[in-house]
Amino acid sequence: MQMLAFPFSVHNNAIFLINRSNILKTMNFKLNLLSAVTVFGLLVSSLPASVCGHEIASEMTDSANHLLQSLTPKQKATLVFPLDDKLRKDWQFIPMEREGLSLKNLKPNQRLLAMSLIQTALSHRGYSTSLQIMALEQILHEMENNSPKRDPEKYHLFLFGTPSLKTPWGWRIEGHHLSISVTVVKNEVVVTPAFFGSNPGEVQSGQFKGVRVLGKEEDLGRTLVKALTADQQTIAVFSKKAPRDVINGPGREATALTPKGLSAAKMTKEQKLMLRQIVDAHLNKCRAELAANDWKKIEAGGFDELHFAWAGELERGKPHYYRVQGPSFILEYDNTQNKANHVHAVWRDFKNDFGQDLLKQHYYANEH
């Protein structure tokens, strides 16, 4: 089995090894009725939410405290902010100078503990995707004449509040094309906003030619829009020109958008399964228990209430954009920049971004 080694330096030129076959499966996928993650999510959903939530919150709290125990006072001061600090909602995904604690400034054992914390929120696929996004920075570094702003280690951790099962707290991992915000309120965990990007969308040359980190998300969207009838496309395709970027990006509250596109209620059974695959591909970057909780909200609001909207051209390699919107969430996918080879994808929750709804409930219950 051939292994793909992205040159993501951990320490002294150590690298992560990524299975090439797993990545390239996105190029020739076959539509399944339900992904394995969705099936597992259905099994998990039969458990009480408090049981799943307590296990995740407990693992996350322990991992955060283990990381804190490994840090120097100076590192802690860089990592930790008050829960109500304005920086908690000031997320970004562009290459820039950031506050927070950089992975670059961690010792090898500290970095492993940091990665352990990140894993507590993500599925295997989500964690692998995150590492691959980081690894792409090395490719950009070489493409841009060794530009110093491109660095696979230039990803920062933020911790808000004190990790505990009694009081609310949160954390974020962030850097170029990756921003995952997590909020913990006792036994409840929320992972949103969640942003994943890929530049290049497909590596065009060199050792890793053909790699598409977010290729599955693109392929599933195009498969659905092409499976629509002409009349359905008239409703679903709201513009021949794709927006330059996702709309629910940084600096904006999670907002429902119009036009809504084609509702699931007006799709065939096969088209609905395709739509479910799209939602699952974005949602299952979270660990299965958390994804199952979101699926419960989606089903409670009515799957037929989901709307699929497309903008731009239908052919691969041309600028395009799509979104899926329901009563509780919106996901957006955009591939327009760099000659349609630069992907941005985001998941937002209308009520619970940054755990807002959970925090309201917590403070209301504990106001006295």
Protein backbone atom coordinates (compact mmCIF):
# COMPACT_ATOMS: atom_id res chain seq x y z
CA MET A 1 0.00 0.00 0.00
CA GLN A 2 1.50 3.31 -1.09
CA MET A 3 1.66 5.95 1.64
CA LEU A 4 1.47 9.66 1.02
CA ALA A 5 3.83 11.61 3.27
CA PHE A 6 2.86 15.26 3.62
CA PRO A 7 5.89 17.18 4.90
CA PHE A 8 4.15 18.47 8.04
CA SER A 9 7.02 18.83 10.52
CA VAL A 10 6.20 17.91 14.07
CA HIS A 11 9.71 18.17 15.48
CA ASN A 12 13.14 17.67 13.97
CA ASN A 13 11.64 16.89 10.56
CA ALA A 14 9.24 14.20 11.78
CA ILE A 15 6.25 13.81 9.46
CA PHE A 16 2.67 12.58 9.47
CA LEU A 17 1.94 9.71 7.08
CA ILE A 18 -1.41 9.77 5.32
CA ASN A 19 -2.89 6.85 3.42
CA ARG A 20 -3.03 7.89 -0.23
CA SER A 21 -5.81 5.45 -1.09
CA ASN A 22 -8.11 7.06 1.48
CA ILE A 23 -7.60 10.46 -0.12
CA LEU A 24 -7.99 9.33 -3.70
CA LYS A 25 -11.24 7.47 -2.96
CA THR A 26 -12.89 10.87 -3.20
CA MET A 27 -12.05 10.96 -6.91
CA ASN A 28 -14.04 7.87 -7.86
CA PHE A 29 -16.60 7.51 -5.10
CA LYS A 30 -19.81 5.49 -5.37
CA LEU A 31 -22.97 6.78 -3.76
CA ASN A 32 -24.01 4.67 -0.76
CA LEU A 33 -27.45 4.76 0.79
CA LEU A 34 -25.94 5.96 4.05
CA SER A 35 -22.33 6.54 5.04
CA ALA A 36 -20.84 4.40 7.76
CA VAL A 37 -20.72 7.41 10.03
CA THR A 38 -24.43 8.06 9.63
CA VAL A 39 -25.22 4.43 10.41
CA PHE A 40 -23.05 4.56 13.50
CA GLY A 41 -24.66 7.87 14.41
CA LEU A 42 -28.07 6.24 14.31
CA LEU A 43 -26.85 3.60 16.75
CA VAL A 44 -25.32 6.22 19.02
CA SER A 45 -28.53 8.27 18.93
CA SER A 46 -30.33 5.47 20.75
CA LEU A 47 -28.24 6.26 23.84
CA PRO A 48 -29.37 9.04 26.20
CA ALA A 49 -27.76 12.34 25.13
CA SER A 50 -26.57 12.90 28.69
CA VAL A 51 -24.53 9.67 28.58
CA CYS A 52 -22.77 10.53 25.30
CA GLY A 53 -22.37 14.18 26.30
CA HIS A 54 -20.85 13.38 29.68
CA GLU A 55 -18.28 11.04 28.14
CA ILE A 56 -17.20 13.59 25.52
CA ALA A 57 -17.16 16.51 27.97
CA SER A 58 -15.18 14.44 30.46
CA GLU A 59 -12.60 13.36 27.87
CA MET A 60 -12.29 16.92 26.59
CA THR A 61 -11.90 18.39 30.08
CA ASP A 62 -9.26 15.84 31.03
CA SER A 63 -7.31 16.43 27.80
CA ALA A 64 -7.39 20.21 28.28
CA ASN A 65 -6.18 19.92 31.87
CA HIS A 66 -3.40 17.52 30.88
CA LEU A 67 -2.21 20.06 28.33
CA LEU A 68 -2.35 22.85 30.91
CA GLN A 69 -0.31 20.78 33.36
CA SER A 70 2.45 20.43 30.76
CA LEU A 71 2.79 24.16 30.05
CA THR A 72 5.02 26.80 31.53
CA PRO A 73 3.40 29.87 33.14
CA LYS A 74 4.30 31.91 30.05
CA GLN A 75 2.68 29.37 27.72
CA LYS A 76 -0.45 29.28 29.87
CA ALA A 77 -0.71 33.06 29.75
CA THR A 78 -0.61 32.85 25.94
CA LEU A 79 -3.18 30.07 25.73
CA VAL A 80 -5.85 31.00 28.31
CA PHE A 81 -8.46 33.77 27.97
CA PRO A 82 -11.66 34.56 29.93
CA LEU A 83 -14.75 32.82 28.62
CA ASP A 84 -16.34 36.17 27.77
CA ASP A 85 -13.25 37.49 25.95
CA LYS A 86 -14.22 39.04 22.61
CA LEU A 87 -11.58 36.87 20.95
CA ARG A 88 -13.76 33.78 21.47
CA LYS A 89 -16.09 34.87 18.67
CA ASP A 90 -13.41 36.57 16.59
CA TRP A 91 -12.51 33.59 14.45
CA GLN A 92 -10.56 33.77 11.19
CA PHE A 93 -9.22 31.38 8.57
CA ILE A 94 -6.72 33.53 6.67
CA PRO A 95 -2.92 33.36 7.11
CA MET A 96 -2.18 36.06 9.69
CA GLU A 97 -0.45 36.76 12.99
CA ARG A 98 -2.62 35.39 15.77
CA GLU A 99 -2.90 35.41 19.50
CA GLY A 100 -3.14 32.07 21.26
CA LEU A 101 -0.51 29.37 21.69
CA SER A 102 1.16 28.26 18.46
CA LEU A 103 1.88 24.59 17.83
CA LYS A 104 5.28 25.81 16.73
CA ASN A 105 6.03 26.94 20.27
CA LEU A 106 5.23 23.61 21.92
CA LYS A 107 7.68 20.94 22.94
CA PRO A 108 7.09 17.48 21.37
CA ASN A 109 5.25 16.11 24.42
CA GLN A 110 3.13 19.27 24.71
CA ARG A 111 2.23 19.08 21.04
CA LEU A 112 1.02 15.53 21.41
CA LEU A 113 -1.21 16.61 24.29
CA ALA A 114 -2.54 19.47 22.15
CA MET A 115 -3.36 17.08 19.32
CA SER A 116 -5.05 14.79 21.84
CA LEU A 117 -7.37 17.64 22.80
CA ILE A 118 -8.22 18.33 19.15
CA GLN A 119 -9.06 14.66 18.64
CA THR A 120 -11.69 14.74 21.38
CA ALA A 121 -13.96 16.86 19.16
CA LEU A 122 -13.41 15.23 15.78
CA SER A 123 -14.08 11.97 14.01
CA HIS A 124 -11.24 10.07 12.39
CA ARG A 125 -12.14 11.73 9.09
CA GLY A 126 -12.33 15.18 10.65
CA TYR A 127 -8.99 14.83 12.40
CA SER A 128 -7.34 13.44 9.27
CA THR A 129 -8.80 16.28 7.17
CA SER A 130 -7.48 18.83 9.66
CA LEU A 131 -3.95 17.42 9.47
CA GLN A 132 -4.07 17.34 5.68
CA ILE A 133 -5.16 20.99 5.58
CA MET A 134 -2.20 21.88 7.79
CA ALA A 135 0.09 19.81 5.56
CA LEU A 136 -0.98 21.73 2.45
CA GLU A 137 0.81 24.76 3.90
CA GLN A 138 4.12 23.10 3.01
CA ILE A 139 3.01 22.80 -0.60
CA LEU A 140 2.04 26.49 -0.63
CA HIS A 141 5.37 27.31 1.04
CA GLU A 142 7.21 25.70 -1.86
CA MET A 143 4.85 27.09 -4.54
CA GLU A 144 5.37 30.63 -3.20
CA ASN A 145 9.17 30.64 -3.15
CA ASN A 146 9.43 29.54 0.49
CA SER A 147 7.09 32.25 1.74
CA PRO A 148 7.40 32.53 5.54
CA LYS A 149 3.64 33.08 5.95
CA ARG A 150 3.06 29.49 4.80
CA ASP A 151 3.97 27.19 7.67
CA PRO A 152 2.42 23.82 8.62
CA GLU A 153 3.17 24.58 12.27
CA LYS A 154 1.50 27.99 12.29
CA TYR A 155 -1.73 26.83 13.93
CA HIS A 156 -2.86 28.24 17.25
CA LEU A 157 -4.81 26.94 20.23
CA PHE A 158 -7.06 29.14 22.37
CA LEU A 159 -8.61 28.12 25.68
CA PHE A 160 -11.49 30.15 27.09
CA GLY A 161 -12.36 29.80 30.77
CA THR A 162 -11.35 26.93 33.05
CA PRO A 163 -11.79 23.32 31.85
CA SER A 164 -14.39 21.85 34.17
CA LEU A 165 -17.60 19.80 34.19
CA LYS A 166 -19.18 22.36 36.52
CA THR A 167 -18.64 25.67 34.74
CA PRO A 168 -18.75 26.55 31.00
CA TRP A 169 -15.53 26.77 29.00
CA GLY A 170 -14.36 26.45 25.43
CA TRP A 171 -11.42 26.18 23.08
CA ARG A 172 -10.47 26.67 19.43
CA ILE A 173 -7.84 25.41 17.00
CA GLU A 174 -7.17 27.90 14.22
CA GLY A 175 -4.85 28.73 11.37
CA HIS A 176 -4.94 29.06 7.60
CA HIS A 177 -8.05 27.27 6.31
CA LEU A 178 -8.94 25.73 9.65
CA SER A 179 -11.04 27.15 12.48
CA ILE A 180 -12.94 24.88 14.85
CA SER A 181 -14.70 26.42 17.86
CA VAL A 182 -15.77 24.18 20.74
CA THR A 183 -17.97 25.05 23.74
CA VAL A 184 -18.47 22.81 26.78
CA VAL A 185 -21.36 23.40 29.19
CA LYS A 186 -21.40 20.63 31.81
CA ASN A 187 -22.39 17.52 29.83
CA GLU A 188 -23.06 19.31 26.55
CA VAL A 189 -20.54 19.94 23.77
CA VAL A 190 -20.99 22.12 20.68
CA VAL A 191 -18.54 22.21 17.75
CA THR A 192 -19.50 25.27 15.71
CA PRO A 193 -18.59 27.40 13.84
CA ALA A 194 -16.52 24.80 11.99
CA PHE A 195 -14.51 25.93 8.97
CA PHE A 196 -12.38 23.77 6.65
CA GLY A 197 -10.57 24.97 3.54
CA SER A 198 -8.16 23.62 0.95
CA ASN A 199 -5.63 25.47 -1.18
CA PRO A 200 -4.97 24.07 -3.64
CA GLY A 201 -8.31 22.32 -3.94
CA GLU A 202 -6.52 19.79 -6.10
CA VAL A 203 -2.73 19.60 -6.22
CA GLN A 204 -1.90 20.15 -9.89
CA SER A 205 1.69 19.00 -10.07
CA GLY A 206 4.59 17.52 -8.21
CA GLN A 207 4.84 14.64 -5.78
CA PHE A 208 1.25 14.95 -4.55
CA LYS A 209 -0.46 15.63 -7.89
CA GLY A 210 -4.15 14.68 -7.78
CA VAL A 211 -4.66 15.04 -4.02
CA ARG A 212 -8.04 16.64 -3.18
CA VAL A 213 -8.44 17.15 0.56
CA LEU A 214 -12.09 18.27 0.27
CA GLY A 215 -12.86 16.47 -2.96
CA LYS A 216 -15.72 14.41 -1.55
CA GLU A 217 -17.64 17.53 -0.54
CA GLU A 218 -17.30 18.91 -4.08
CA ASP A 219 -18.22 15.67 -5.85
CA LEU A 220 -21.34 15.05 -3.78
CA GLY A 221 -22.69 18.54 -4.41
CA ARG A 222 -22.13 18.31 -8.15
CA THR A 223 -23.65 14.82 -8.30
CA LEU A 224 -26.88 16.10 -6.76
CA VAL A 225 -27.23 19.23 -8.89
CA LYS A 226 -26.65 17.18 -12.06
CA ALA A 227 -29.20 14.59 -10.91
CA LEU A 228 -31.93 17.25 -10.82
CA THR A 229 -34.39 17.66 -13.64
CA ALA A 230 -34.37 20.83 -15.71
CA ASP A 231 -37.33 22.18 -13.74
CA GLN A 232 -35.66 21.35 -10.43
CA GLN A 233 -32.43 23.02 -11.53
CA THR A 234 -34.38 26.18 -12.32
CA ILE A 235 -35.28 26.34 -8.63
CA ALA A 236 -32.01 25.05 -7.17
CA VAL A 237 -29.55 27.09 -9.28
CA PHE A 238 -30.18 30.64 -8.10
CA SER A 239 -27.31 32.34 -9.97
CA LYS A 240 -25.06 31.61 -12.91
CA LYS A 241 -22.26 33.34 -11.05
CA ALA A 242 -20.97 31.90 -7.79
CA PRO A 243 -20.26 34.21 -4.84
CA ARG A 244 -16.57 34.76 -4.28
CA ASP A 245 -16.66 33.21 -0.82
CA VAL A 246 -18.90 31.60 1.77
CA ILE A 247 -21.36 34.15 3.15
CA ASN A 248 -21.54 32.97 6.75
CA GLY A 249 -17.88 33.60 7.34
CA PRO A 250 -15.98 35.40 10.12
CA GLY A 251 -17.41 38.57 11.65
CA ARG A 252 -21.01 37.59 11.08
CA GLU A 253 -23.70 35.92 13.15
CA ALA A 254 -25.00 32.65 11.72
CA THR A 255 -27.71 33.82 9.32
CA ALA A 256 -30.33 32.07 7.21
CA LEU A 257 -29.96 33.03 3.55
CA THR A 258 -32.26 33.46 0.58
CA PRO A 259 -33.07 32.27 -1.99
CA LYS A 260 -33.44 28.91 -0.32
CA GLY A 261 -33.15 26.77 -3.43
CA LEU A 262 -34.88 23.41 -3.91
CA SER A 263 -36.49 21.84 -0.86
CA ALA A 264 -36.01 18.16 -0.03
CA ALA A 265 -39.78 17.86 -0.11
CA LYS A 266 -39.60 18.35 -3.90
CA MET A 267 -36.87 15.76 -4.44
CA THR A 268 -37.14 12.13 -5.37
CA LYS A 269 -36.13 9.43 -2.90
CA GLU A 270 -32.76 9.01 -4.64
CA GLN A 271 -32.13 12.76 -4.64
CA LYS A 272 -32.93 12.93 -0.92
CA LEU A 273 -30.33 10.26 -0.27
CA MET A 274 -27.79 12.35 -2.19
CA LEU A 275 -28.71 15.38 -0.09
CA ARG A 276 -28.27 13.33 3.08
CA GLN A 277 -24.82 12.30 1.86
CA ILE A 278 -23.85 15.95 1.40
CA VAL A 279 -24.95 16.91 4.92
CA ASP A 280 -23.22 13.85 6.33
CA ALA A 281 -19.93 14.61 4.55
CA HIS A 282 -19.77 18.00 6.26
CA LEU A 283 -21.25 16.99 9.61
CA ASN A 284 -19.30 13.80 10.16
CA LYS A 285 -16.04 15.65 10.65
CA CYS A 286 -17.28 15.87 14.25
CA ARG A 287 -17.12 12.70 16.31
CA ALA A 288 -20.10 10.43 15.73
CA GLU A 289 -21.89 11.19 19.01
CA LEU A 290 -21.92 14.91 18.29
CA ALA A 291 -22.96 14.39 14.68
CA ALA A 292 -25.83 12.20 15.91
CA ASN A 293 -27.05 15.04 18.12
CA ASP A 294 -27.14 17.38 15.13
CA TRP A 295 -28.92 14.79 13.03
CA LYS A 296 -31.58 14.61 15.76
CA LYS A 297 -32.12 18.35 15.44
CA ILE A 298 -32.28 18.11 11.66
CA GLU A 299 -34.82 15.30 11.74
CA ALA A 300 -36.85 17.06 14.45
CA GLY A 301 -37.08 20.14 12.24
CA GLY A 302 -38.11 17.96 9.31
CA PHE A 303 -35.69 16.66 6.69
CA ASP A 304 -38.07 17.83 3.99
CA GLU A 305 -37.46 21.39 5.23
CA LEU A 306 -33.84 21.27 4.05
CA HIS A 307 -33.07 23.34 0.95
CA PHE A 308 -30.28 22.81 -1.56
CA ALA A 309 -29.04 25.83 -3.52
CA TRP A 310 -26.33 26.03 -6.19
CA ALA A 311 -24.61 28.95 -7.91
CA GLY A 312 -22.08 29.03 -10.73
CA GLU A 313 -21.26 26.46 -13.37
CA LEU A 314 -21.95 22.73 -13.17
CA GLU A 315 -18.73 21.39 -14.67
CA ARG A 316 -15.68 20.51 -12.62
CA GLY A 317 -12.90 23.08 -12.78
CA LYS A 318 -15.35 25.98 -13.08
CA PRO A 319 -16.33 28.40 -10.26
CA HIS A 320 -19.17 27.00 -8.18
CA TYR A 321 -20.88 27.27 -4.83
CA TYR A 322 -23.59 25.40 -2.97
CA ARG A 323 -25.32 25.48 0.37
CA VAL A 324 -27.70 23.33 2.35
CA GLN A 325 -29.95 25.14 4.79
CA GLY A 326 -32.39 23.85 7.37
CA PRO A 327 -34.28 25.29 10.34
CA SER A 328 -31.29 24.76 12.66
CA PHE A 329 -28.17 25.13 10.47
CA ILE A 330 -26.51 26.18 7.26
CA LEU A 331 -23.54 24.66 5.48
CA GLU A 332 -21.78 26.40 2.62
CA TYR A 333 -19.20 25.21 0.11
CA ASP A 334 -17.38 27.59 -2.22
CA ASN A 335 -14.74 26.91 -4.89
CA THR A 336 -14.18 30.03 -6.95
CA GLN A 337 -10.78 31.51 -6.16
CA ASN A 338 -7.49 30.61 -7.88
CA LYS A 339 -9.32 29.51 -11.03
CA ALA A 340 -11.77 27.41 -9.03
CA ASN A 341 -9.06 25.51 -7.22
CA HIS A 342 -9.41 26.97 -3.72
CA VAL A 343 -12.09 25.56 -1.42
CA HIS A 344 -13.87 27.08 1.59
CA ALA A 345 -16.50 25.17 3.57
CA VAL A 346 -18.30 26.19 6.77
CA TRP A 347 -20.98 24.83 9.12
CA ARG A 348 -22.97 27.27 11.28
CA ASP A 349 -25.72 26.67 13.85
CA PHE A 350 -28.43 29.36 13.99
CA LYS A 351 -29.13 29.00 17.72
CA ASN A 352 -26.04 27.35 19.14
CA ASP A 353 -22.99 28.88 17.47
CA PHE A 354 -20.35 29.20 20.19
CA GLY A 355 -22.80 27.34 22.46
CA GLN A 356 -24.98 30.44 22.76
CA ASP A 357 -28.20 28.55 23.47
CA LEU A 358 -26.51 26.25 25.98
CA LEU A 359 -24.95 29.21 27.78
CA LYS A 360 -28.29 31.01 27.97
CA GLN A 361 -29.89 27.96 29.53
CA HIS A 362 -27.00 27.54 31.95
CA TYR A 363 -27.02 31.15 33.15
CA TYR A 364 -30.81 31.19 33.43
CA ALA A 365 -30.77 28.02 35.57
CA ASN A 366 -27.97 29.38 37.76
CA GLU A 367 -28.88 33.06 37.94
CA HIS A 368 -29.43 32.89 41.67
